[in-house]
Amino acid sequence: MKVDKMSISLAAELGDEVRKAARKAGTGLSTWLAEAAAAKLRTEALQEFLDAWEREQGPLTAGELARAERELGFRPARRSP
């Protein structure tokens, strides 16, 4: 597999947290960062898709959002009274 070596800079506290997260996940720092970057790209692609969908179809309804949460296994956030 071809790799692209990069040098990055993080705030010290963020760097510490990233290292802890990689250790907790049992992966190397490069693997953890690559997975985090891939997740961010998937999130952005999904947001772009949903934005385009809503421009063409109109906003998702509360019922559609609730169904998606159920099917994806998400629990809706609790709202304060």
C-alpha atoms as a PDB file:
ATOM      1  CA  MET A   1       0.000   0.000   0.000  1.00  0.00           C
ATOM      2  CA  LYS A   2       1.280   3.429  -0.921  1.00  0.00           C
ATOM      3  CA  VAL A   3       1.381   5.891   1.972  1.00  0.00           C
ATOM      4  CA  ASP A   4       1.575   9.656   2.139  1.00  0.00           C
ATOM      5  CA  LYS A   5       3.785  10.777   5.003  1.00  0.00           C
ATOM      6  CA  MET A   6       2.739  14.066   6.563  1.00  0.00           C
ATOM      7  CA  SER A   7       3.903  16.250   9.359  1.00  0.00           C
ATOM      8  CA  ILE A   8       1.108  17.803  11.420  1.00  0.00           C
ATOM      9  CA  SER A   9       0.949  20.080  14.430  1.00  0.00           C
ATOM     10  CA  LEU A  10      -1.628  19.854  17.192  1.00  0.00           C
ATOM     11  CA  ALA A  11      -2.188  21.878  20.322  1.00  0.00           C
ATOM     12  CA  ALA A  12      -0.377  20.095  23.167  1.00  0.00           C
ATOM     13  CA  GLU A  13      -3.577  19.112  25.009  1.00  0.00           C
ATOM     14  CA  LEU A  14      -5.175  17.781  21.832  1.00  0.00           C
ATOM     15  CA  GLY A  15      -2.033  15.809  21.029  1.00  0.00           C
ATOM     16  CA  ASP A  16      -2.140  14.243  24.487  1.00  0.00           C
ATOM     17  CA  GLU A  17      -5.798  13.287  24.063  1.00  0.00           C
ATOM     18  CA  VAL A  18      -5.181  11.811  20.614  1.00  0.00           C
ATOM     19  CA  ARG A  19      -2.310   9.693  21.909  1.00  0.00           C
ATOM     20  CA  LYS A  20      -4.504   8.462  24.802  1.00  0.00           C
ATOM     21  CA  ALA A  21      -7.319   7.634  22.405  1.00  0.00           C
ATOM     22  CA  ALA A  22      -4.970   5.681  20.127  1.00  0.00           C
ATOM     23  CA  ARG A  23      -3.604   3.696  23.079  1.00  0.00           C
ATOM     24  CA  LYS A  24      -7.140   3.012  24.328  1.00  0.00           C
ATOM     25  CA  ALA A  25      -8.133   1.787  20.865  1.00  0.00           C
ATOM     26  CA  GLY A  26      -5.041  -0.409  20.731  1.00  0.00           C
ATOM     27  CA  THR A  27      -3.820   1.193  17.513  1.00  0.00           C
ATOM     28  CA  GLY A  28      -0.864   3.249  16.468  1.00  0.00           C
ATOM     29  CA  LEU A  29      -1.137   7.009  16.273  1.00  0.00           C
ATOM     30  CA  SER A  30      -1.040   7.038  12.460  1.00  0.00           C
ATOM     31  CA  THR A  31      -3.802   4.439  12.234  1.00  0.00           C
ATOM     32  CA  TRP A  32      -5.980   6.300  14.742  1.00  0.00           C
ATOM     33  CA  LEU A  33      -5.518   9.616  12.931  1.00  0.00           C
ATOM     34  CA  ALA A  34      -6.187   8.003   9.531  1.00  0.00           C
ATOM     35  CA  GLU A  35      -9.418   6.460  10.839  1.00  0.00           C
ATOM     36  CA  ALA A  36     -10.471   9.796  12.366  1.00  0.00           C
ATOM     37  CA  ALA A  37      -9.777  11.599   9.079  1.00  0.00           C
ATOM     38  CA  ALA A  38     -11.739   8.968   7.125  1.00  0.00           C
ATOM     39  CA  ALA A  39     -14.681   9.321   9.522  1.00  0.00           C
ATOM     40  CA  LYS A  40     -14.625  13.106   9.087  1.00  0.00           C
ATOM     41  CA  LEU A  41     -14.630  12.745   5.300  1.00  0.00           C
ATOM     42  CA  ARG A  42     -17.588  10.306   5.459  1.00  0.00           C
ATOM     43  CA  THR A  43     -19.480  12.742   7.701  1.00  0.00           C
ATOM     44  CA  GLU A  44     -18.862  15.621   5.299  1.00  0.00           C
ATOM     45  CA  ALA A  45     -19.917  13.505   2.303  1.00  0.00           C
ATOM     46  CA  LEU A  46     -23.125  12.487   4.090  1.00  0.00           C
ATOM     47  CA  GLN A  47     -23.863  16.125   4.954  1.00  0.00           C
ATOM     48  CA  GLU A  48     -23.353  17.143   1.324  1.00  0.00           C
ATOM     49  CA  PHE A  49     -25.682  14.324   0.216  1.00  0.00           C
ATOM     50  CA  LEU A  50     -28.360  15.318   2.733  1.00  0.00           C
ATOM     51  CA  ASP A  51     -28.094  18.995   1.777  1.00  0.00           C
ATOM     52  CA  ALA A  52     -28.572  18.106  -1.910  1.00  0.00           C
ATOM     53  CA  TRP A  53     -31.463  15.765  -1.042  1.00  0.00           C
ATOM     54  CA  GLU A  54     -33.232  18.465   0.954  1.00  0.00           C
ATOM     55  CA  ARG A  55     -32.728  21.032  -1.833  1.00  0.00           C
ATOM     56  CA  GLU A  56     -34.453  18.631  -4.253  1.00  0.00           C
ATOM     57  CA  GLN A  57     -36.990  16.884  -1.990  1.00  0.00           C
ATOM     58  CA  GLY A  58     -37.576  19.356   0.814  1.00  0.00           C
ATOM     59  CA  PRO A  59     -36.610  19.020   4.468  1.00  0.00           C
ATOM     60  CA  LEU A  60     -36.725  15.624   6.126  1.00  0.00           C
ATOM     61  CA  THR A  61     -39.769  15.263   8.312  1.00  0.00           C
ATOM     62  CA  ALA A  62     -39.667  14.482  12.028  1.00  0.00           C
ATOM     63  CA  GLY A  63     -41.064  11.046  11.193  1.00  0.00           C
ATOM     64  CA  GLU A  64     -38.328  10.355   8.633  1.00  0.00           C
ATOM     65  CA  LEU A  65     -35.650  11.428  11.095  1.00  0.00           C
ATOM     66  CA  ALA A  66     -37.159   9.248  13.846  1.00  0.00           C
ATOM     67  CA  ARG A  67     -37.268   6.261  11.485  1.00  0.00           C
ATOM     68  CA  ALA A  68     -33.633   6.806  10.497  1.00  0.00           C
ATOM     69  CA  GLU A  69     -32.631   6.976  14.174  1.00  0.00           C
ATOM     70  CA  ARG A  70     -34.465   3.713  14.879  1.00  0.00           C
ATOM     71  CA  GLU A  71     -33.017   1.904  11.884  1.00  0.00           C
ATOM     72  CA  LEU A  72     -29.499   3.118  12.652  1.00  0.00           C
ATOM     73  CA  GLY A  73     -29.838   2.265  16.338  1.00  0.00           C
ATOM     74  CA  PHE A  74     -29.542   5.842  17.582  1.00  0.00           C
ATOM     75  CA  ARG A  75     -31.369   7.081  20.605  1.00  0.00           C
ATOM     76  CA  PRO A  76     -32.764  10.567  20.287  1.00  0.00           C
ATOM     77  CA  ALA A  77     -31.063  13.135  22.521  1.00  0.00           C
ATOM     78  CA  ARG A  78     -32.988  13.870  25.670  1.00  0.00           C
ATOM     79  CA  ARG A  79     -34.384  17.331  25.792  1.00  0.00           C
ATOM     80  CA  SER A  80     -34.550  19.357  28.968  1.00  0.00           C
ATOM     81  CA  PRO A  81     -38.033  20.254  30.148  1.00  0.00           C
END
